[in-house]
Amino acid sequence: MKALNKKVAGVILAAGSASRMGKTKQLLPYKDKIILDHVIANSQKSELSEFVLVLGYCADEIMQNIDLSDCYSDIEIVINKDYQNGQSSSLKKGLEKVSDNCDGAMFLLGDQPLVTDAIINKLLYAFETSDASFVIPYCNGKRGNPVIAARSMFPRLNSLSADNGARVLFKEFENEIIKVPVDDNAILEDIDTKDDYEKLILKG
């Protein structure tokens, strides 16, 4: 992939309490790492310019277990004490740490370990070559994650409330969205329940 002119921060949202899972899903083992370590590693192998990790529920335990050595040394960790107020509170907390020289932010979910650096880079390239307000991956007609928001959208994102995330803005700005086809269900699959986790393990 050629060098990108636009700088995009990777904001990993991993603050939720995983109430449907019944345990701290960020710390569940998968292959040789915990789930959150896979998300961090895949993001850092990509062309993202900087990295912010938003923690909340069980933040201390997670920080004791994630791998922050070597290649993870440049990730900034921020604690969202208001994580119970929903995903938008974590999104806004992460945006506070995005550098002024970034042209946008990609919001990655801390429970999507199968989203590879190749998928991330495909979205970054779409953002690089457009003036889109949002870049969103789609698989089989279904909207997935991660999503890129242009800096022009930051004020609107900071006005969000409750557990809506950025999706409430997608209809308003539907003419300013680039929909990127991704032939990989990974963008649709997050680990919310025990069944989701069992399916992940079965995939190997």
Protein backbone atom coordinates (compact mmCIF):
# COMPACT_ATOMS: atom_id res chain seq x y z
CA MET A 1 0.00 0.00 0.00
CA LYS A 2 1.32 3.43 -0.89
CA ALA A 3 2.03 5.98 1.81
CA LEU A 4 -1.05 7.89 2.91
CA ASN A 5 -1.28 11.66 3.04
CA LYS A 6 -4.22 11.72 5.41
CA LYS A 7 -3.50 10.83 9.02
CA VAL A 8 -6.10 8.76 10.84
CA ALA A 9 -6.09 7.89 14.52
CA GLY A 10 -7.23 4.47 15.65
CA VAL A 11 -9.57 4.74 18.65
CA ILE A 12 -10.19 1.34 20.21
CA LEU A 13 -13.41 1.25 22.21
CA ALA A 14 -13.04 -1.32 25.00
CA ALA A 15 -14.79 0.21 27.99
CA GLY A 16 -18.05 -1.74 28.09
CA SER A 17 -19.17 -3.98 30.93
CA ALA A 18 -20.07 -6.96 28.68
CA SER A 19 -23.31 -7.54 30.58
CA ARG A 20 -24.56 -10.11 28.06
CA MET A 21 -21.32 -12.07 28.28
CA GLY A 22 -21.24 -12.23 32.08
CA LYS A 23 -17.47 -11.79 32.22
CA THR A 24 -14.80 -9.40 30.99
CA LYS A 25 -14.80 -10.28 27.30
CA GLN A 26 -11.75 -8.16 26.52
CA LEU A 27 -9.70 -10.68 28.54
CA LEU A 28 -11.08 -13.87 27.02
CA PRO A 29 -8.35 -16.03 25.46
CA TYR A 30 -8.20 -16.48 21.71
CA LYS A 31 -5.33 -18.36 20.12
CA ASP A 32 -2.12 -17.08 21.71
CA LYS A 33 -3.53 -13.79 23.05
CA ILE A 34 -6.53 -12.30 24.75
CA ILE A 35 -9.20 -10.81 22.49
CA LEU A 36 -8.22 -7.18 23.10
CA ASP A 37 -4.56 -7.90 22.30
CA HIS A 38 -5.60 -9.13 18.84
CA VAL A 39 -7.50 -5.90 18.21
CA ILE A 40 -4.53 -3.81 19.30
CA ALA A 41 -2.05 -5.86 17.28
CA ASN A 42 -4.12 -5.73 14.09
CA SER A 43 -4.55 -1.97 14.39
CA GLN A 44 -0.83 -1.42 14.93
CA LYS A 45 0.07 -3.49 11.88
CA SER A 46 -2.06 -1.17 9.77
CA GLU A 47 -1.42 2.29 8.34
CA LEU A 48 -3.18 4.07 11.21
CA SER A 49 -1.12 7.05 12.40
CA GLU A 50 -1.70 6.89 16.16
CA PHE A 51 -3.57 4.82 18.70
CA VAL A 52 -5.92 5.50 21.59
CA LEU A 53 -7.33 2.74 23.81
CA VAL A 54 -10.45 3.61 25.79
CA LEU A 55 -11.01 1.46 28.88
CA GLY A 56 -13.69 1.63 31.57
CA TYR A 57 -15.15 -1.50 33.15
CA CYS A 58 -12.44 -3.50 34.96
CA ALA A 59 -9.83 -1.09 33.57
CA ASP A 60 -7.19 -1.99 36.15
CA GLU A 61 -7.53 -5.72 35.49
CA ILE A 62 -7.39 -5.21 31.74
CA MET A 63 -4.29 -3.02 31.99
CA GLN A 64 -2.56 -5.73 34.02
CA ASN A 65 -3.25 -8.32 31.35
CA ILE A 66 -2.84 -6.61 27.99
CA ASP A 67 0.53 -6.66 26.29
CA LEU A 68 1.92 -3.12 26.45
CA SER A 69 5.50 -4.02 25.56
CA ASP A 70 7.46 -3.20 22.43
CA CYS A 71 5.06 -2.47 19.55
CA TYR A 72 2.31 -1.37 21.94
CA SER A 73 4.45 1.29 23.58
CA ASP A 74 2.99 4.14 21.53
CA ILE A 75 -0.64 3.51 22.43
CA GLU A 76 -2.32 6.08 24.68
CA ILE A 77 -4.70 4.69 27.27
CA VAL A 78 -7.60 6.76 28.54
CA ILE A 79 -10.06 5.70 31.23
CA ASN A 80 -13.75 6.43 30.74
CA LYS A 81 -15.23 6.55 34.23
CA ASP A 82 -18.65 7.19 32.70
CA TYR A 83 -18.65 4.01 30.58
CA GLN A 84 -22.09 3.08 31.93
CA ASN A 85 -23.48 6.02 29.98
CA GLY A 86 -22.98 4.11 26.76
CA GLN A 87 -20.63 3.84 23.81
CA SER A 88 -20.90 7.51 22.92
CA SER A 89 -19.19 8.42 26.20
CA SER A 90 -16.20 6.27 25.22
CA LEU A 91 -16.20 7.63 21.70
CA LYS A 92 -16.00 11.19 22.99
CA LYS A 93 -13.33 10.27 25.54
CA GLY A 94 -11.21 8.80 22.77
CA LEU A 95 -11.64 11.84 20.54
CA GLU A 96 -10.15 14.02 23.29
CA LYS A 97 -6.81 12.27 22.71
CA VAL A 98 -6.73 12.46 18.92
CA SER A 99 -3.94 14.74 17.74
CA ASP A 100 -4.80 18.01 16.01
CA ASN A 101 -2.88 16.92 12.91
CA CYS A 102 -5.14 13.91 12.29
CA ASP A 103 -7.64 14.19 9.45
CA GLY A 104 -9.98 11.64 10.95
CA ALA A 105 -10.50 8.87 13.47
CA MET A 106 -11.27 5.20 13.01
CA PHE A 107 -13.37 3.66 15.75
CA LEU A 108 -12.47 0.03 16.33
CA LEU A 109 -14.41 -2.27 18.64
CA GLY A 110 -12.42 -4.02 21.35
CA ASP A 111 -14.30 -7.26 20.74
CA GLN A 112 -13.62 -7.68 17.01
CA PRO A 113 -10.36 -9.67 16.94
CA LEU A 114 -10.87 -10.85 13.35
CA VAL A 115 -10.77 -7.38 11.79
CA THR A 116 -7.37 -7.56 10.12
CA ASP A 117 -4.88 -4.86 9.20
CA ALA A 118 -5.83 -5.50 5.55
CA ILE A 119 -9.45 -4.55 6.26
CA ILE A 120 -8.34 -1.48 8.18
CA ASN A 121 -6.05 -0.41 5.34
CA LYS A 122 -8.81 -0.85 2.75
CA LEU A 123 -10.95 1.61 4.68
CA LEU A 124 -8.03 4.01 5.11
CA TYR A 125 -7.40 4.01 1.37
CA ALA A 126 -11.08 4.78 0.70
CA PHE A 127 -10.84 7.72 3.10
CA GLU A 128 -7.59 8.87 1.49
CA THR A 129 -9.16 9.06 -1.96
CA SER A 130 -12.44 10.77 -1.04
CA ASP A 131 -13.92 13.75 0.76
CA ALA A 132 -16.30 11.56 2.72
CA SER A 133 -17.56 12.46 6.19
CA PHE A 134 -17.75 8.77 7.04
CA VAL A 135 -16.23 5.60 5.63
CA ILE A 136 -18.20 2.50 6.53
CA PRO A 137 -17.55 -1.15 5.63
CA TYR A 138 -20.39 -3.31 4.31
CA CYS A 139 -20.56 -7.08 3.90
CA ASN A 140 -23.49 -8.73 2.13
CA GLY A 141 -25.43 -5.49 2.38
CA LYS A 142 -24.95 -5.18 6.14
CA ARG A 143 -23.17 -2.30 7.83
CA GLY A 144 -20.16 -3.24 9.94
CA ASN A 145 -17.21 -1.85 11.86
CA PRO A 146 -14.73 -0.18 12.11
CA VAL A 147 -15.94 3.22 10.90
CA ILE A 148 -13.86 6.26 9.96
CA ALA A 149 -15.14 9.75 10.78
CA ALA A 150 -13.58 12.82 9.18
CA ARG A 151 -12.39 15.60 11.50
CA SER A 152 -15.28 17.77 10.27
CA MET A 153 -17.59 15.32 12.08
CA PHE A 154 -15.81 15.56 15.46
CA PRO A 155 -18.05 18.35 16.82
CA ARG A 156 -21.16 16.35 15.95
CA LEU A 157 -19.70 13.21 17.49
CA ASN A 158 -18.97 15.16 20.65
CA SER A 159 -22.65 16.12 20.85
CA LEU A 160 -23.84 12.50 20.95
CA SER A 161 -25.57 11.04 23.97
CA ALA A 162 -26.62 7.61 25.28
CA ASP A 163 -25.52 4.33 23.69
CA ASN A 164 -25.94 5.33 20.07
CA GLY A 165 -22.39 5.70 18.89
CA ALA A 166 -21.95 7.42 15.54
CA ARG A 167 -24.75 5.54 13.78
CA VAL A 168 -27.35 8.21 14.60
CA LEU A 169 -25.46 10.54 12.25
CA PHE A 170 -25.34 8.12 9.32
CA LYS A 171 -28.84 8.97 8.09
CA GLU A 172 -28.27 12.70 8.38
CA PHE A 173 -25.05 12.49 6.38
CA GLU A 174 -25.99 9.59 4.11
CA ASN A 175 -24.89 11.53 1.03
CA GLU A 176 -21.44 12.03 2.55
CA ILE A 177 -20.75 8.36 3.29
CA ILE A 178 -18.43 6.06 1.37
CA LYS A 179 -19.68 2.48 1.63
CA VAL A 180 -16.76 0.11 1.22
CA PRO A 181 -17.55 -3.49 0.23
CA VAL A 182 -15.61 -5.96 2.37
CA ASP A 183 -15.77 -9.66 1.57
CA ASP A 184 -15.25 -10.71 5.18
CA ASN A 185 -17.84 -11.29 7.90
CA ALA A 186 -15.28 -10.12 10.47
CA ILE A 187 -16.67 -6.59 10.19
CA LEU A 188 -20.07 -7.86 11.34
CA GLU A 189 -18.96 -10.15 14.14
CA ASP A 190 -18.38 -8.89 17.66
CA ILE A 191 -18.24 -10.96 20.82
CA ASP A 192 -21.33 -10.03 22.82
CA THR A 193 -22.48 -13.42 24.14
CA LYS A 194 -21.10 -16.81 25.13
CA ASP A 195 -22.42 -18.19 21.84
CA ASP A 196 -20.47 -15.53 19.93
CA TYR A 197 -17.33 -16.52 21.79
CA GLU A 198 -17.86 -20.23 21.16
CA LYS A 199 -18.28 -19.53 17.43
CA LEU A 200 -15.02 -17.56 17.48
CA ILE A 201 -13.16 -20.45 19.11
CA LEU A 202 -14.59 -22.93 16.60
CA LYS A 203 -13.23 -20.81 13.75
CA GLY A 204 -9.75 -21.38 15.17
